[in-house]
């Protein structure tokens, strides 16, 4: 296993976490706008 492979795998985790956090944030914002009506 090369160092670049390890770095690649380590970089995928925060990217996935950030993506799910962004999705959750977008859903929360949409839900807030709908509930205010």
PDB file of N, CA and C in Angstrom:
ATOM      1  N   UNK A   1       0.858  -1.195   0.000  1.00  0.00           N
ATOM      2  CA  UNK A   1       0.000   0.000   0.000  1.00  0.00           C
ATOM      3  C   UNK A   1       0.896   1.248   0.000  1.00  0.00           C
ATOM      4  N   UNK A   2       0.730   2.111  -0.989  1.00  0.00           N
ATOM      5  CA  UNK A   2       1.557   3.308  -1.067  1.00  0.00           C
ATOM      6  C   UNK A   2       0.994   4.435  -0.212  1.00  0.00           C
ATOM      7  N   UNK A   3       1.814   5.432   0.014  1.00  0.00           N
ATOM      8  CA  UNK A   3       1.380   6.560   0.845  1.00  0.00           C
ATOM      9  C   UNK A   3       0.221   7.305   0.169  1.00  0.00           C
ATOM     10  N   UNK A   4       0.262   7.392  -1.163  1.00  0.00           N
ATOM     11  CA  UNK A   4      -0.810   8.094  -1.875  1.00  0.00           C
ATOM     12  C   UNK A   4      -2.130   7.353  -1.717  1.00  0.00           C
ATOM     13  N   UNK A   5      -2.094   6.022  -1.655  1.00  0.00           N
ATOM     14  CA  UNK A   5      -3.330   5.257  -1.474  1.00  0.00           C
ATOM     15  C   UNK A   5      -3.924   5.524  -0.093  1.00  0.00           C
ATOM     16  N   UNK A   6      -3.041   5.561   0.917  1.00  0.00           N
ATOM     17  CA  UNK A   6      -3.510   5.829   2.278  1.00  0.00           C
ATOM     18  C   UNK A   6      -4.116   7.232   2.352  1.00  0.00           C
ATOM     19  N   UNK A   7      -3.431   8.194   1.741  1.00  0.00           N
ATOM     20  CA  UNK A   7      -3.946   9.575   1.759  1.00  0.00           C
ATOM     21  C   UNK A   7      -5.288   9.650   1.039  1.00  0.00           C
ATOM     22  N   UNK A   8      -5.403   8.927  -0.074  1.00  0.00           N
ATOM     23  CA  UNK A   8      -6.657   8.934  -0.825  1.00  0.00           C
ATOM     24  C   UNK A   8      -7.809   8.391  -0.001  1.00  0.00           C
ATOM     25  N   UNK A   9      -7.549   7.292   0.717  1.00  0.00           N
ATOM     26  CA  UNK A   9      -8.625   6.717   1.536  1.00  0.00           C
ATOM     27  C   UNK A   9      -8.967   7.636   2.698  1.00  0.00           C
ATOM     28  N   UNK A  10      -7.948   8.252   3.306  1.00  0.00           N
ATOM     29  CA  UNK A  10      -8.187   9.154   4.431  1.00  0.00           C
ATOM     30  C   UNK A  10      -8.962  10.390   3.979  1.00  0.00           C
ATOM     31  N   UNK A  11      -8.737  10.828   2.737  1.00  0.00           N
ATOM     32  CA  UNK A  11      -9.407  12.037   2.245  1.00  0.00           C
ATOM     33  C   UNK A  11     -10.863  11.745   1.901  1.00  0.00           C
ATOM     34  N   UNK A  12     -11.178  10.494   1.585  1.00  0.00           N
ATOM     35  CA  UNK A  12     -12.563  10.184   1.205  1.00  0.00           C
ATOM     36  C   UNK A  12     -13.511  10.317   2.389  1.00  0.00           C
ATOM     37  N   UNK A  13     -13.035  10.022   3.594  1.00  0.00           N
ATOM     38  CA  UNK A  13     -13.931  10.036   4.759  1.00  0.00           C
ATOM     39  C   UNK A  13     -14.442  11.450   5.061  1.00  0.00           C
ATOM     40  N   UNK A  14     -13.550  12.455   5.229  1.00  0.00           N
ATOM     41  CA  UNK A  14     -14.056  13.804   5.511  1.00  0.00           C
ATOM     42  C   UNK A  14     -14.931  14.346   4.386  1.00  0.00           C
ATOM     43  N   UNK A  15     -14.613  13.970   3.144  1.00  0.00           N
ATOM     44  CA  UNK A  15     -15.432  14.442   2.017  1.00  0.00           C
ATOM     45  C   UNK A  15     -16.845  13.861   2.134  1.00  0.00           C
ATOM     46  N   UNK A  16     -16.934  12.575   2.477  1.00  0.00           N
ATOM     47  CA  UNK A  16     -18.250  11.943   2.624  1.00  0.00           C
ATOM     48  C   UNK A  16     -19.005  12.565   3.791  1.00  0.00           C
ATOM     49  N   UNK A  17     -18.305  12.789   4.893  1.00  0.00           N
ATOM     50  CA  UNK A  17     -18.939  13.390   6.078  1.00  0.00           C
ATOM     51  C   UNK A  17     -19.428  14.796   5.742  1.00  0.00           C
ATOM     52  N   UNK A  18     -18.574  15.580   5.075  1.00  0.00           N
ATOM     53  CA  UNK A  18     -18.958  16.950   4.721  1.00  0.00           C
ATOM     54  C   UNK A  18     -20.174  16.935   3.798  1.00  0.00           C
ATOM     55  N   UNK A  19     -20.207  15.983   2.863  1.00  0.00           N
ATOM     56  CA  UNK A  19     -21.342  15.887   1.947  1.00  0.00           C
ATOM     57  C   UNK A  19     -22.630  15.579   2.692  1.00  0.00           C
ATOM     58  N   UNK A  20     -22.583  14.641   3.624  1.00  0.00           N
ATOM     59  CA  UNK A  20     -23.794  14.291   4.366  1.00  0.00           C
ATOM     60  C   UNK A  20     -24.221  15.443   5.277  1.00  0.00           C
ATOM     61  N   UNK A  21     -23.249  16.158   5.828  1.00  0.00           N
ATOM     62  CA  UNK A  21     -23.577  17.310   6.685  1.00  0.00           C
ATOM     63  C   UNK A  21     -24.245  18.400   5.855  1.00  0.00           C
ATOM     64  N   UNK A  22     -23.705  18.636   4.651  1.00  0.00           N
ATOM     65  CA  UNK A  22     -24.293  19.654   3.775  1.00  0.00           C
ATOM     66  C   UNK A  22     -25.709  19.266   3.378  1.00  0.00           C
ATOM     67  N   UNK A  23     -25.915  17.978   3.075  1.00  0.00           N
ATOM     68  CA  UNK A  23     -27.256  17.507   2.712  1.00  0.00           C
ATOM     69  C   UNK A  23     -28.213  17.691   3.887  1.00  0.00           C
ATOM     70  N   UNK A  24     -27.755  17.323   5.079  1.00  0.00           N
ATOM     71  CA  UNK A  24     -28.611  17.464   6.267  1.00  0.00           C
ATOM     72  C   UNK A  24     -28.930  18.938   6.505  1.00  0.00           C
ATOM     73  N   UNK A  25     -27.937  19.805   6.316  1.00  0.00           N
ATOM     74  CA  UNK A  25     -28.165  21.240   6.505  1.00  0.00           C
ATOM     75  C   UNK A  25     -29.170  21.771   5.501  1.00  0.00           C
ATOM     76  N   UNK A  26     -29.072  21.320   4.251  1.00  0.00           N
ATOM     77  CA  UNK A  26     -30.011  21.773   3.222  1.00  0.00           C
ATOM     78  C   UNK A  26     -31.421  21.313   3.564  1.00  0.00           C
ATOM     79  N   UNK A  27     -31.550  20.074   4.045  1.00  0.00           N
ATOM     80  CA  UNK A  27     -32.875  19.570   4.414  1.00  0.00           C
ATOM     81  C   UNK A  27     -33.443  20.377   5.576  1.00  0.00           C
ATOM     82  N   UNK A  28     -32.589  20.703   6.558  1.00  0.00           N
ATOM     83  CA  UNK A  28     -33.047  21.463   7.723  1.00  0.00           C
ATOM     84  C   UNK A  28     -33.532  22.846   7.295  1.00  0.00           C
ATOM     85  N   UNK A  29     -32.797  23.477   6.366  1.00  0.00           N
ATOM     86  CA  UNK A  29     -33.190  24.814   5.893  1.00  0.00           C
ATOM     87  C   UNK A  29     -34.513  24.731   5.146  1.00  0.00           C
ATOM     88  N   UNK A  30     -34.644  23.731   4.269  1.00  0.00           N
ATOM     89  CA  UNK A  30     -35.894  23.585   3.512  1.00  0.00           C
ATOM     90  C   UNK A  30     -37.063  23.337   4.456  1.00  0.00           C
ATOM     91  N   UNK A  31     -36.844  22.493   5.492  1.00  0.00           N
ATOM     92  CA  UNK A  31     -37.923  22.169   6.426  1.00  0.00           C
ATOM     93  C   UNK A  31     -38.323  23.414   7.210  1.00  0.00           C
ATOM     94  N   UNK A  32     -37.325  24.230   7.584  1.00  0.00           N
ATOM     95  CA  UNK A  32     -37.620  25.450   8.335  1.00  0.00           C
ATOM     96  C   UNK A  32     -38.473  26.397   7.495  1.00  0.00           C
ATOM     97  N   UNK A  33     -38.098  26.557   6.211  1.00  0.00           N
ATOM     98  CA  UNK A  33     -38.855  27.472   5.350  1.00  0.00           C
ATOM     99  C   UNK A  33     -40.287  26.989   5.186  1.00  0.00           C
ATOM    100  N   UNK A  34     -40.465  25.671   5.048  1.00  0.00           N
ATOM    101  CA  UNK A  34     -41.815  25.133   4.859  1.00  0.00           C
ATOM    102  C   UNK A  34     -42.639  25.274   6.135  1.00  0.00           C
ATOM    103  N   UNK A  35     -42.004  25.055   7.298  1.00  0.00           N
ATOM    104  CA  UNK A  35     -42.761  25.090   8.553  1.00  0.00           C
ATOM    105  C   UNK A  35     -43.159  26.524   8.917  1.00  0.00           C
ATOM    106  N   UNK A  36     -42.457  27.521   8.389  1.00  0.00           N
ATOM    107  CA  UNK A  36     -42.780  28.916   8.716  1.00  0.00           C
ATOM    108  C   UNK A  36     -44.037  29.380   7.999  1.00  0.00           C
ATOM    109  N   UNK A  37     -44.385  28.717   6.885  1.00  0.00           N
ATOM    110  CA  UNK A  37     -45.562  29.157   6.130  1.00  0.00           C
ATOM    111  C   UNK A  37     -46.847  28.876   6.895  1.00  0.00           C
TER     112      UNK A  37
END
